[in-house]
Amino acid sequence: MKKVFILAGPSGVGKTTLWQKFKQKYPDFPVEKVITSTTRPKREWEKHWKDYYFLSLDEFKNKILNKEFIEYAEVHNNFYGSTYDELERILNQNKYPLYIVDPQWVKFLKDKLSGIYDVRTIFILPPSEEELKKRLIGRGESPDSESFKIRLKESLIWLAEKDNYDYQIVNDDLDKAVEQLKKIFEE
């Protein structure tokens, strides 16, 4: 059974930073991030087929009707989703697909893919609640803002569910976390 990895954790734990550092250190390692499709406008620095698959609303809805998505959702008036074709594209290159998601998507993806694939879930944790607060503030969040309070509350709820994952990595030392991630991929 082919392996599929799901990397999750609340905002501010460093999921994307960890992945970028991993790819920088191990560019030829056979793991590839699943590229999500979206209807939102492309940002100036983003590249089609690298950061996202940018689709029109009609294109996205046609994919929904044709049942091409493993999962999809509407977020802030834009659609996001991952396709079966994208998953197969990575598997056909003899690489392991990696989903990088917020924790609310993990159970759905695991339920949808288990039985077909060997799904392995990895939870990224901050070193402490205090460090998580610092990281969220470092992203431009004001600790007095409603957005900050909601993110922190959601993060604490998700952190309480860490034992539901196959693996856990505390992201207190990025180089050490990269090596832990590599070890998980190699199992």
N, C-alpha and C. Protein backbone atom coordinates (compact mmCIF):
# COMPACT_ATOMS: atom_id res chain seq x y z
N MET A 1 0.85 -1.18 0.00
CA MET A 1 0.00 0.00 0.00
C MET A 1 0.89 1.25 0.00
N LYS A 2 0.60 2.20 -0.85
CA LYS A 2 1.41 3.41 -0.97
C LYS A 2 1.15 4.35 0.20
N LYS A 3 2.21 5.01 0.66
CA LYS A 3 2.11 5.92 1.80
C LYS A 3 1.67 7.32 1.35
N VAL A 4 0.84 7.93 2.17
CA VAL A 4 0.43 9.32 2.02
C VAL A 4 0.61 9.96 3.40
N PHE A 5 1.25 11.12 3.43
CA PHE A 5 1.49 11.81 4.69
C PHE A 5 0.60 13.04 4.81
N ILE A 6 0.15 13.29 6.04
CA ILE A 6 -0.61 14.50 6.34
C ILE A 6 0.12 15.22 7.47
N LEU A 7 0.59 16.41 7.20
CA LEU A 7 1.30 17.24 8.16
C LEU A 7 0.34 18.33 8.63
N ALA A 8 0.10 18.38 9.94
CA ALA A 8 -0.88 19.33 10.46
C ALA A 8 -0.38 19.99 11.73
N GLY A 9 -1.04 21.06 12.06
CA GLY A 9 -0.76 21.80 13.28
C GLY A 9 -1.42 23.16 13.18
N PRO A 10 -1.66 23.79 14.31
CA PRO A 10 -2.32 25.08 14.29
C PRO A 10 -1.44 26.17 13.67
N SER A 11 -2.05 27.29 13.36
CA SER A 11 -1.31 28.45 12.84
C SER A 11 -0.18 28.80 13.79
N GLY A 12 0.98 29.09 13.21
CA GLY A 12 2.09 29.56 14.02
C GLY A 12 3.06 28.49 14.49
N VAL A 13 2.78 27.21 14.21
CA VAL A 13 3.70 26.17 14.68
C VAL A 13 4.85 25.94 13.71
N GLY A 14 4.73 26.45 12.48
CA GLY A 14 5.82 26.35 11.52
C GLY A 14 5.72 25.21 10.53
N LYS A 15 4.50 24.82 10.16
CA LYS A 15 4.32 23.73 9.19
C LYS A 15 5.02 24.04 7.87
N THR A 16 4.72 25.19 7.32
CA THR A 16 5.27 25.56 6.01
C THR A 16 6.78 25.79 6.11
N THR A 17 7.23 26.43 7.16
CA THR A 17 8.66 26.67 7.36
C THR A 17 9.41 25.35 7.45
N LEU A 18 8.86 24.40 8.20
CA LEU A 18 9.47 23.08 8.34
C LEU A 18 9.58 22.39 6.99
N TRP A 19 8.49 22.43 6.21
CA TRP A 19 8.50 21.79 4.89
C TRP A 19 9.52 22.44 3.97
N GLN A 20 9.55 23.77 3.95
CA GLN A 20 10.49 24.49 3.08
C GLN A 20 11.94 24.16 3.44
N LYS A 21 12.22 24.12 4.73
CA LYS A 21 13.58 23.79 5.19
C LYS A 21 13.92 22.34 4.83
N PHE A 22 12.96 21.44 4.96
CA PHE A 22 13.18 20.04 4.58
C PHE A 22 13.55 19.94 3.10
N LYS A 23 12.77 20.59 2.24
CA LYS A 23 13.03 20.52 0.79
C LYS A 23 14.34 21.19 0.42
N GLN A 24 14.69 22.22 1.17
CA GLN A 24 15.98 22.89 0.93
C GLN A 24 17.14 21.94 1.27
N LYS A 25 17.01 21.23 2.37
CA LYS A 25 18.08 20.33 2.80
C LYS A 25 18.09 19.01 2.03
N TYR A 26 16.90 18.52 1.66
CA TYR A 26 16.78 17.23 0.97
C TYR A 26 15.96 17.40 -0.32
N PRO A 27 16.49 18.14 -1.29
CA PRO A 27 15.69 18.44 -2.50
C PRO A 27 15.29 17.21 -3.32
N ASP A 28 16.06 16.14 -3.22
CA ASP A 28 15.76 14.94 -4.02
C ASP A 28 15.02 13.87 -3.25
N PHE A 29 14.64 14.16 -2.02
CA PHE A 29 13.91 13.17 -1.23
C PHE A 29 12.53 12.97 -1.86
N PRO A 30 12.08 11.71 -1.99
CA PRO A 30 10.85 11.44 -2.75
C PRO A 30 9.53 11.74 -2.02
N VAL A 31 9.39 12.95 -1.54
CA VAL A 31 8.14 13.43 -0.95
C VAL A 31 7.80 14.73 -1.65
N GLU A 32 6.53 14.89 -2.03
CA GLU A 32 6.12 16.13 -2.71
C GLU A 32 4.82 16.64 -2.12
N LYS A 33 4.78 17.94 -1.91
CA LYS A 33 3.59 18.58 -1.37
C LYS A 33 2.45 18.53 -2.39
N VAL A 34 1.28 18.17 -1.92
CA VAL A 34 0.08 18.16 -2.76
C VAL A 34 -0.30 19.62 -3.03
N ILE A 35 -0.43 19.97 -4.30
CA ILE A 35 -0.81 21.34 -4.69
C ILE A 35 -2.33 21.44 -4.70
N THR A 36 -2.82 22.43 -4.01
CA THR A 36 -4.26 22.65 -3.88
C THR A 36 -4.78 23.49 -5.05
N SER A 37 -6.01 23.23 -5.44
CA SER A 37 -6.70 24.07 -6.44
C SER A 37 -7.47 25.16 -5.70
N THR A 38 -7.57 26.33 -6.31
CA THR A 38 -8.32 27.42 -5.69
C THR A 38 -8.93 28.34 -6.73
N THR A 39 -9.98 29.02 -6.32
CA THR A 39 -10.61 30.04 -7.19
C THR A 39 -10.16 31.44 -6.80
N ARG A 40 -9.36 31.56 -5.74
CA ARG A 40 -8.96 32.91 -5.33
C ARG A 40 -7.95 33.48 -6.32
N PRO A 41 -7.88 34.80 -6.40
CA PRO A 41 -6.93 35.41 -7.33
C PRO A 41 -5.47 35.07 -6.96
N LYS A 42 -4.66 34.94 -7.98
CA LYS A 42 -3.24 34.65 -7.78
C LYS A 42 -2.54 35.89 -7.25
N ARG A 43 -1.73 35.70 -6.22
CA ARG A 43 -0.94 36.81 -5.70
C ARG A 43 0.27 37.01 -6.59
N GLU A 44 0.81 38.20 -6.55
CA GLU A 44 1.91 38.60 -7.44
C GLU A 44 3.07 37.60 -7.47
N TRP A 45 3.45 37.07 -6.33
CA TRP A 45 4.62 36.20 -6.22
C TRP A 45 4.31 34.71 -6.45
N GLU A 46 3.03 34.38 -6.56
CA GLU A 46 2.65 32.97 -6.68
C GLU A 46 2.75 32.49 -8.12
N LYS A 47 3.00 31.19 -8.24
CA LYS A 47 3.11 30.58 -9.56
C LYS A 47 2.05 29.49 -9.72
N HIS A 48 1.36 29.53 -10.86
CA HIS A 48 0.40 28.49 -11.21
C HIS A 48 1.16 27.18 -11.38
N TRP A 49 0.63 26.09 -10.92
CA TRP A 49 1.21 24.75 -10.96
C TRP A 49 2.34 24.57 -9.95
N LYS A 50 2.63 25.58 -9.14
CA LYS A 50 3.66 25.44 -8.10
C LYS A 50 3.06 25.73 -6.73
N ASP A 51 2.42 26.87 -6.59
CA ASP A 51 1.83 27.25 -5.31
C ASP A 51 0.39 26.74 -5.21
N TYR A 52 -0.35 26.95 -6.27
CA TYR A 52 -1.74 26.51 -6.38
C TYR A 52 -2.05 26.23 -7.83
N TYR A 53 -3.15 25.51 -8.04
CA TYR A 53 -3.75 25.45 -9.37
C TYR A 53 -4.86 26.49 -9.33
N PHE A 54 -4.69 27.58 -10.06
CA PHE A 54 -5.67 28.67 -10.05
C PHE A 54 -6.74 28.38 -11.10
N LEU A 55 -7.97 28.26 -10.64
CA LEU A 55 -9.09 27.91 -11.51
C LEU A 55 -10.17 28.98 -11.46
N SER A 56 -10.93 29.08 -12.54
CA SER A 56 -12.11 29.95 -12.52
C SER A 56 -13.17 29.25 -11.67
N LEU A 57 -14.17 29.99 -11.26
CA LEU A 57 -15.25 29.41 -10.48
C LEU A 57 -15.96 28.31 -11.28
N ASP A 58 -16.16 28.53 -12.59
CA ASP A 58 -16.80 27.52 -13.44
C ASP A 58 -15.95 26.25 -13.53
N GLU A 59 -14.65 26.41 -13.69
CA GLU A 59 -13.76 25.24 -13.74
C GLU A 59 -13.83 24.45 -12.44
N PHE A 60 -13.83 25.17 -11.32
CA PHE A 60 -13.88 24.52 -10.02
C PHE A 60 -15.20 23.77 -9.84
N LYS A 61 -16.30 24.43 -10.20
CA LYS A 61 -17.62 23.79 -10.04
C LYS A 61 -17.76 22.56 -10.94
N ASN A 62 -17.16 22.62 -12.14
CA ASN A 62 -17.18 21.44 -13.01
C ASN A 62 -16.43 20.27 -12.37
N LYS A 63 -15.32 20.56 -11.72
CA LYS A 63 -14.57 19.51 -11.03
C LYS A 63 -15.39 18.94 -9.87
N ILE A 64 -16.15 19.78 -9.19
CA ILE A 64 -17.03 19.29 -8.13
C ILE A 64 -18.07 18.35 -8.72
N LEU A 65 -18.73 18.80 -9.80
CA LEU A 65 -19.76 17.97 -10.45
C LEU A 65 -19.21 16.65 -10.94
N ASN A 66 -17.97 16.67 -11.41
CA ASN A 66 -17.33 15.46 -11.92
C ASN A 66 -16.66 14.62 -10.83
N LYS A 67 -16.85 15.04 -9.59
CA LYS A 67 -16.30 14.32 -8.42
C LYS A 67 -14.79 14.13 -8.51
N GLU A 68 -14.10 15.21 -8.92
CA GLU A 68 -12.66 15.16 -9.07
C GLU A 68 -11.91 15.52 -7.79
N PHE A 69 -12.64 16.06 -6.79
CA PHE A 69 -11.98 16.48 -5.56
C PHE A 69 -12.06 15.41 -4.48
N ILE A 70 -10.94 15.24 -3.79
CA ILE A 70 -10.93 14.41 -2.58
C ILE A 70 -11.67 15.18 -1.50
N GLU A 71 -11.36 16.46 -1.43
CA GLU A 71 -12.00 17.35 -0.47
C GLU A 71 -11.99 18.76 -1.06
N TYR A 72 -12.97 19.55 -0.64
CA TYR A 72 -12.99 20.96 -1.03
C TYR A 72 -13.83 21.73 -0.03
N ALA A 73 -13.60 23.04 0.01
CA ALA A 73 -14.36 23.89 0.93
C ALA A 73 -14.36 25.31 0.40
N GLU A 74 -15.34 26.06 0.83
CA GLU A 74 -15.38 27.49 0.54
C GLU A 74 -14.84 28.22 1.76
N VAL A 75 -13.81 29.04 1.55
CA VAL A 75 -13.18 29.79 2.62
C VAL A 75 -13.08 31.24 2.17
N HIS A 76 -13.71 32.14 2.91
CA HIS A 76 -13.67 33.58 2.59
C HIS A 76 -14.08 33.85 1.14
N ASN A 77 -15.16 33.24 0.71
CA ASN A 77 -15.73 33.42 -0.62
C ASN A 77 -14.88 32.88 -1.77
N ASN A 78 -13.92 32.03 -1.45
CA ASN A 78 -13.12 31.36 -2.48
C ASN A 78 -13.15 29.87 -2.18
N PHE A 79 -13.03 29.07 -3.24
CA PHE A 79 -13.01 27.62 -3.07
C PHE A 79 -11.57 27.11 -3.07
N TYR A 80 -11.34 26.09 -2.26
CA TYR A 80 -10.05 25.40 -2.18
C TYR A 80 -10.34 23.90 -2.18
N GLY A 81 -9.47 23.12 -2.79
CA GLY A 81 -9.67 21.69 -2.77
C GLY A 81 -8.48 20.96 -3.35
N SER A 82 -8.41 19.66 -3.05
CA SER A 82 -7.35 18.83 -3.62
C SER A 82 -7.99 17.73 -4.45
N THR A 83 -7.39 17.48 -5.59
CA THR A 83 -7.96 16.54 -6.56
C THR A 83 -7.30 15.17 -6.48
N TYR A 84 -8.05 14.18 -6.94
CA TYR A 84 -7.50 12.83 -7.09
C TYR A 84 -6.37 12.84 -8.11
N ASP A 85 -6.51 13.65 -9.17
CA ASP A 85 -5.46 13.72 -10.20
C ASP A 85 -4.14 14.20 -9.61
N GLU A 86 -4.19 15.17 -8.71
CA GLU A 86 -2.97 15.68 -8.09
C GLU A 86 -2.30 14.60 -7.24
N LEU A 87 -3.09 13.88 -6.50
CA LEU A 87 -2.57 12.79 -5.68
C LEU A 87 -1.91 11.73 -6.58
N GLU A 88 -2.58 11.35 -7.64
CA GLU A 88 -2.05 10.34 -8.56
C GLU A 88 -0.81 10.84 -9.31
N ARG A 89 -0.78 12.14 -9.63
CA ARG A 89 0.39 12.72 -10.30
C ARG A 89 1.64 12.47 -9.46
N ILE A 90 1.53 12.71 -8.17
CA ILE A 90 2.68 12.53 -7.28
C ILE A 90 3.03 11.05 -7.14
N LEU A 91 2.02 10.22 -6.92
CA LEU A 91 2.26 8.78 -6.77
C LEU A 91 2.87 8.18 -8.04
N ASN A 92 2.46 8.65 -9.21
CA ASN A 92 2.99 8.13 -10.48
C ASN A 92 4.46 8.50 -10.69
N GLN A 93 4.96 9.47 -9.92
CA GLN A 93 6.38 9.82 -9.97
C GLN A 93 7.17 9.06 -8.91
N ASN A 94 6.51 8.06 -8.30
CA ASN A 94 7.13 7.28 -7.22
C ASN A 94 7.57 8.14 -6.05
N LYS A 95 6.73 9.12 -5.74
CA LYS A 95 6.96 9.98 -4.58
C LYS A 95 5.81 9.81 -3.60
N TYR A 96 6.07 10.21 -2.37
CA TYR A 96 5.02 10.20 -1.35
C TYR A 96 4.32 11.55 -1.33
N PRO A 97 3.00 11.55 -1.46
CA PRO A 97 2.26 12.82 -1.36
C PRO A 97 2.25 13.32 0.08
N LEU A 98 2.35 14.62 0.23
CA LEU A 98 2.29 15.26 1.54
C LEU A 98 1.23 16.36 1.52
N TYR A 99 0.22 16.19 2.36
CA TYR A 99 -0.77 17.24 2.57
C TYR A 99 -0.30 18.08 3.74
N ILE A 100 -0.30 19.40 3.57
CA ILE A 100 0.01 20.31 4.68
C ILE A 100 -1.29 21.06 4.96
N VAL A 101 -1.91 20.74 6.09
CA VAL A 101 -3.26 21.22 6.35
C VAL A 101 -3.42 21.71 7.79
N ASP A 102 -4.50 22.43 8.00
CA ASP A 102 -4.91 22.76 9.37
C ASP A 102 -5.57 21.51 9.95
N PRO A 103 -5.53 21.36 11.26
CA PRO A 103 -6.02 20.13 11.89
C PRO A 103 -7.46 19.74 11.57
N GLN A 104 -8.31 20.69 11.26
CA GLN A 104 -9.72 20.33 11.01
C GLN A 104 -9.89 19.44 9.78
N TRP A 105 -8.89 19.38 8.91
CA TRP A 105 -8.98 18.58 7.69
C TRP A 105 -8.43 17.17 7.84
N VAL A 106 -7.68 16.91 8.90
CA VAL A 106 -6.97 15.65 9.03
C VAL A 106 -7.91 14.44 9.06
N LYS A 107 -8.89 14.47 9.93
CA LYS A 107 -9.79 13.32 10.07
C LYS A 107 -10.50 13.03 8.75
N PHE A 108 -10.98 14.09 8.10
CA PHE A 108 -11.68 13.89 6.83
C PHE A 108 -10.76 13.24 5.80
N LEU A 109 -9.55 13.79 5.63
CA LEU A 109 -8.61 13.24 4.65
C LEU A 109 -8.23 11.81 5.00
N LYS A 110 -7.95 11.57 6.27
CA LYS A 110 -7.55 10.22 6.68
C LYS A 110 -8.68 9.23 6.42
N ASP A 111 -9.90 9.60 6.78
CA ASP A 111 -11.04 8.71 6.54
C ASP A 111 -11.23 8.44 5.05
N LYS A 112 -11.06 9.48 4.25
CA LYS A 112 -11.29 9.36 2.81
C LYS A 112 -10.21 8.51 2.12
N LEU A 113 -8.97 8.59 2.61
CA LEU A 113 -7.85 7.94 1.93
C LEU A 113 -7.44 6.59 2.54
N SER A 114 -7.78 6.36 3.80
CA SER A 114 -7.39 5.11 4.46
C SER A 114 -8.08 3.92 3.78
N GLY A 115 -7.38 2.83 3.74
CA GLY A 115 -7.91 1.64 3.06
C GLY A 115 -7.40 1.57 1.64
N ILE A 116 -7.22 2.73 1.03
CA ILE A 116 -6.65 2.81 -0.32
C ILE A 116 -5.15 3.05 -0.20
N TYR A 117 -4.79 3.90 0.77
CA TYR A 117 -3.39 4.28 1.00
C TYR A 117 -3.04 4.06 2.47
N ASP A 118 -1.76 3.97 2.73
CA ASP A 118 -1.24 3.91 4.10
C ASP A 118 -1.06 5.35 4.56
N VAL A 119 -2.06 5.89 5.25
CA VAL A 119 -2.06 7.30 5.63
C VAL A 119 -1.36 7.47 6.98
N ARG A 120 -0.38 8.37 7.01
CA ARG A 120 0.39 8.64 8.22
C ARG A 120 0.21 10.12 8.59
N THR A 121 -0.22 10.36 9.82
CA THR A 121 -0.48 11.74 10.26
C THR A 121 0.64 12.22 11.18
N ILE A 122 1.03 13.47 10.96
CA ILE A 122 2.13 14.08 11.71
C ILE A 122 1.62 15.41 12.27
N PHE A 123 1.75 15.58 13.58
CA PHE A 123 1.29 16.81 14.23
C PHE A 123 2.49 17.63 14.65
N ILE A 124 2.52 18.90 14.25
CA ILE A 124 3.59 19.80 14.62
C ILE A 124 3.12 20.63 15.81
N LEU A 125 3.94 20.63 16.86
CA LEU A 125 3.61 21.36 18.09
C LEU A 125 4.57 22.52 18.31
N PRO A 126 4.10 23.57 18.94
CA PRO A 126 5.02 24.63 19.37
C PRO A 126 5.72 24.15 20.64
N PRO A 127 6.86 24.74 21.00
CA PRO A 127 7.54 24.33 22.22
C PRO A 127 6.71 24.61 23.48
N SER A 128 5.87 25.63 23.40
CA SER A 128 5.03 25.99 24.55
C SER A 128 3.89 26.89 24.07
N GLU A 129 2.90 27.05 24.93
CA GLU A 129 1.80 27.96 24.61
C GLU A 129 2.31 29.39 24.48
N GLU A 130 3.26 29.74 25.33
CA GLU A 130 3.83 31.09 25.29
C GLU A 130 4.54 31.35 23.95
N GLU A 131 5.28 30.36 23.48
CA GLU A 131 5.97 30.49 22.19
C GLU A 131 4.97 30.59 21.05
N LEU A 132 3.89 29.84 21.13
CA LEU A 132 2.84 29.93 20.11
C LEU A 132 2.28 31.35 20.06
N LYS A 133 2.01 31.93 21.21
CA LYS A 133 1.52 33.32 21.25
C LYS A 133 2.51 34.26 20.59
N LYS A 134 3.81 34.09 20.89
CA LYS A 134 4.85 34.94 20.29
C LYS A 134 4.87 34.80 18.77
N ARG A 135 4.74 33.57 18.30
CA ARG A 135 4.76 33.33 16.85
C ARG A 135 3.55 33.96 16.16
N LEU A 136 2.40 33.86 16.78
CA LEU A 136 1.20 34.48 16.19
C LEU A 136 1.35 36.00 16.16
N ILE A 137 1.89 36.56 17.22
CA ILE A 137 2.14 38.01 17.26
C ILE A 137 3.16 38.38 16.20
N GLY A 138 4.18 37.52 16.02
CA GLY A 138 5.22 37.76 15.01
C GLY A 138 4.68 37.74 13.58
N ARG A 139 3.51 37.14 13.39
CA ARG A 139 2.87 37.13 12.07
C ARG A 139 2.03 38.39 11.86
N GLY A 140 2.09 39.31 12.80
CA GLY A 140 1.34 40.56 12.66
C GLY A 140 0.02 40.57 13.39
N GLU A 141 -0.24 39.53 14.19
CA GLU A 141 -1.50 39.47 14.94
C GLU A 141 -1.35 40.29 16.22
N SER A 142 -2.25 41.17 16.48
CA SER A 142 -2.28 41.90 17.74
C SER A 142 -2.91 41.01 18.79
N PRO A 143 -2.27 40.90 19.97
CA PRO A 143 -2.84 40.03 21.01
C PRO A 143 -4.20 40.50 21.52
N ASP A 144 -4.56 41.72 21.19
CA ASP A 144 -5.87 42.25 21.60
C ASP A 144 -6.94 42.04 20.54
N SER A 145 -6.53 41.60 19.36
CA SER A 145 -7.50 41.45 18.26
C SER A 145 -8.37 40.21 18.45
N GLU A 146 -9.55 40.29 17.90
CA GLU A 146 -10.47 39.15 17.95
C GLU A 146 -9.89 37.96 17.18
N SER A 147 -9.23 38.25 16.06
CA SER A 147 -8.61 37.22 15.24
C SER A 147 -7.57 36.43 16.05
N PHE A 148 -6.74 37.14 16.79
CA PHE A 148 -5.71 36.49 17.62
C PHE A 148 -6.36 35.58 18.65
N LYS A 149 -7.38 36.09 19.31
CA LYS A 149 -8.05 35.31 20.37
C LYS A 149 -8.69 34.04 19.80
N ILE A 150 -9.29 34.16 18.61
CA ILE A 150 -9.91 33.00 17.97
C ILE A 150 -8.84 31.98 17.58
N ARG A 151 -7.75 32.45 16.95
CA ARG A 151 -6.66 31.54 16.54
C ARG A 151 -6.05 30.82 17.74
N LEU A 152 -5.84 31.57 18.81
CA LEU A 152 -5.24 30.97 20.00
C LEU A 152 -6.18 29.94 20.61
N LYS A 153 -7.46 30.27 20.70
CA LYS A 153 -8.44 29.34 21.26
C LYS A 153 -8.50 28.06 20.42
N GLU A 154 -8.58 28.22 19.08
CA GLU A 154 -8.60 27.06 18.18
C GLU A 154 -7.32 26.23 18.33
N SER A 155 -6.19 26.91 18.43
CA SER A 155 -4.91 26.23 18.55
C SER A 155 -4.85 25.37 19.81
N LEU A 156 -5.35 25.91 20.92
CA LEU A 156 -5.32 25.16 22.17
C LEU A 156 -6.23 23.93 22.10
N ILE A 157 -7.35 24.07 21.41
CA ILE A 157 -8.25 22.91 21.21
C ILE A 157 -7.54 21.85 20.38
N TRP A 158 -6.88 22.27 19.27
CA TRP A 158 -6.18 21.31 18.42
C TRP A 158 -5.00 20.67 19.13
N LEU A 159 -4.28 21.45 19.94
CA LEU A 159 -3.13 20.90 20.67
C LEU A 159 -3.57 19.78 21.61
N ALA A 160 -4.76 19.90 22.14
CA ALA A 160 -5.29 18.88 23.06
C ALA A 160 -5.55 17.55 22.33
N GLU A 161 -5.61 17.58 21.00
CA GLU A 161 -5.88 16.37 20.21
C GLU A 161 -4.62 15.75 19.61
N LYS A 162 -3.48 16.21 20.06
CA LYS A 162 -2.19 15.75 19.48
C LYS A 162 -2.00 14.25 19.55
N ASP A 163 -2.57 13.60 20.56
CA ASP A 163 -2.39 12.15 20.70
C ASP A 163 -3.17 11.34 19.67
N ASN A 164 -4.01 12.00 18.89
CA ASN A 164 -4.76 11.31 17.83
C ASN A 164 -3.94 11.15 16.55
N TYR A 165 -2.70 11.63 16.57
CA TYR A 165 -1.82 11.58 15.39
C TYR A 165 -0.82 10.43 15.53
N ASP A 166 -0.35 9.94 14.40
CA ASP A 166 0.63 8.86 14.41
C ASP A 166 1.99 9.32 14.93
N TYR A 167 2.35 10.57 14.63
CA TYR A 167 3.64 11.12 15.03
C TYR A 167 3.45 12.56 15.53
N GLN A 168 4.38 12.99 16.37
CA GLN A 168 4.39 14.37 16.85
C GLN A 168 5.82 14.91 16.76
N ILE A 169 5.93 16.15 16.33
CA ILE A 169 7.22 16.82 16.28
C ILE A 169 7.06 18.16 17.00
N VAL A 170 7.89 18.40 18.01
CA VAL A 170 7.91 19.69 18.68
C VAL A 170 8.88 20.57 17.89
N ASN A 171 8.37 21.65 17.33
CA ASN A 171 9.19 22.53 16.48
C ASN A 171 9.84 23.62 17.33
N ASP A 172 10.84 23.19 18.13
CA ASP A 172 11.60 24.16 18.92
C ASP A 172 12.98 24.41 18.34
N ASP A 173 13.45 23.49 17.51
CA ASP A 173 14.74 23.60 16.83
C ASP A 173 14.48 23.11 15.40
N LEU A 174 14.51 24.02 14.44
CA LEU A 174 14.11 23.70 13.07
C LEU A 174 14.95 22.59 12.47
N ASP A 175 16.25 22.62 12.66
CA ASP A 175 17.11 21.57 12.10
C ASP A 175 16.77 20.20 12.69
N LYS A 176 16.54 20.16 13.98
CA LYS A 176 16.17 18.91 14.65
C LYS A 176 14.81 18.42 14.14
N ALA A 177 13.87 19.35 13.96
CA ALA A 177 12.54 19.00 13.45
C ALA A 177 12.63 18.44 12.03
N VAL A 178 13.49 19.01 11.21
CA VAL A 178 13.69 18.51 9.84
C VAL A 178 14.17 17.06 9.88
N GLU A 179 15.11 16.76 10.77
CA GLU A 179 15.63 15.39 10.87
C GLU A 179 14.56 14.43 11.38
N GLN A 180 13.73 14.88 12.30
CA GLN A 180 12.64 14.03 12.78
C GLN A 180 11.65 13.75 11.65
N LEU A 181 11.35 14.77 10.85
CA LEU A 181 10.44 14.60 9.72
C LEU A 181 11.02 13.60 8.72
N LYS A 182 12.31 13.71 8.44
CA LYS A 182 12.96 12.78 7.52
C LYS A 182 12.86 11.34 8.03
N LYS A 183 13.08 11.16 9.32
CA LYS A 183 13.00 9.82 9.92
C LYS A 183 11.60 9.24 9.76
N ILE A 184 10.58 10.07 9.93
CA ILE A 184 9.19 9.63 9.77
C ILE A 184 8.94 9.22 8.32
N PHE A 185 9.40 10.03 7.38
CA PHE A 185 9.22 9.72 5.96
C PHE A 185 9.91 8.40 5.59
N GLU A 186 11.04 8.11 6.23
CA GLU A 186 11.81 6.92 5.90
C GLU A 186 11.25 5.63 6.49
N GLU A 187 10.39 5.73 7.48
CA GLU A 187 9.83 4.51 8.12
C GLU A 187 9.00 3.70 7.18
